[in-house]
Protein backbone atom coordinates (compact mmCIF):
# COMPACT_ATOMS: atom_id res chain seq x y z
CA UNK A 1 -8.78 27.69 -13.02
CA UNK A 2 -11.43 28.97 -10.57
CA UNK A 3 -14.17 27.67 -12.85
CA UNK A 4 -12.67 24.16 -12.83
CA UNK A 5 -12.46 24.15 -9.04
CA UNK A 6 -16.02 25.42 -8.72
CA UNK A 7 -17.28 22.86 -11.23
CA UNK A 8 -15.46 20.01 -9.48
CA UNK A 9 -16.80 21.12 -6.09
CA UNK A 10 -20.36 21.30 -7.40
CA UNK A 11 -20.06 17.86 -9.01
CA UNK A 12 -18.73 16.37 -5.78
CA UNK A 13 -21.51 17.98 -3.74
CA UNK A 14 -24.35 16.82 -5.99
CA UNK A 15 -22.93 13.30 -6.38
CA UNK A 16 -22.80 12.90 -2.60
CA UNK A 17 -26.48 13.79 -2.35
CA UNK A 18 -27.49 11.10 -4.84
CA UNK A 19 -25.59 8.39 -2.91
CA UNK A 20 -27.31 9.02 0.42
CA UNK A 21 -28.14 5.77 2.19
CA UNK A 22 -31.61 4.56 3.07
CA UNK A 23 -32.80 5.11 6.65
CA UNK A 24 -32.12 2.32 9.13
CA UNK A 25 -35.14 0.16 9.90
CA UNK A 26 -33.49 -2.67 11.83
CA UNK A 27 -30.42 -2.94 14.09
CA UNK A 28 -28.84 -6.29 14.94
CA UNK A 29 -26.88 -6.44 18.20
CA UNK A 30 -24.89 -9.45 19.37
CA UNK A 31 -24.10 -9.86 23.05
CA UNK A 32 -21.06 -11.87 24.08
CA UNK A 33 -21.00 -13.21 27.63
CA UNK A 34 -17.37 -14.40 28.15
CA UNK A 35 -15.78 -10.98 28.62
CA UNK A 36 -18.00 -9.71 31.43
CA UNK A 37 -19.16 -6.23 30.47
CA UNK A 38 -21.72 -4.97 32.96
CA UNK A 39 -22.98 -2.15 30.72
CA UNK A 40 -23.94 -4.57 27.94
CA UNK A 41 -25.72 -6.91 30.33
CA UNK A 42 -27.73 -4.02 31.81
CA UNK A 43 -28.63 -2.78 28.30
CA UNK A 44 -29.85 -6.25 27.38
CA UNK A 45 -31.74 -7.04 30.63
CA UNK A 46 -33.56 -3.69 30.78
CA UNK A 47 -34.08 -3.54 26.99
CA UNK A 48 -32.72 0.01 26.96
CA UNK A 49 -31.68 -0.10 23.30
CA UNK A 50 -35.08 -1.39 22.22
CA UNK A 51 -36.84 1.40 24.13
CA UNK A 52 -34.57 4.13 22.77
CA UNK A 53 -34.70 3.09 19.11
CA UNK A 54 -38.43 2.32 19.25
CA UNK A 55 -39.05 6.10 19.24
CA UNK A 56 -37.48 6.30 15.77
CA UNK A 57 -39.22 3.19 14.44
CA UNK A 58 -36.02 1.09 14.43
CA UNK A 59 -36.35 -2.55 15.43
CA UNK A 60 -33.50 -3.92 17.59
CA UNK A 61 -32.70 -7.65 17.40
């Protein structure tokens, strides 16, 4: 019984490693004006997201 649990746990662990996703290279953000959200407008006007993600090599659109 313990062997089956250990084997199943090992299989689950190693299968999760093989399905790791590729690193993000581009991030698409859509800004909607009708509901006035000050934080989003400030982020867009000052390009805060672009500056923050630029450090990691991620392009923000």
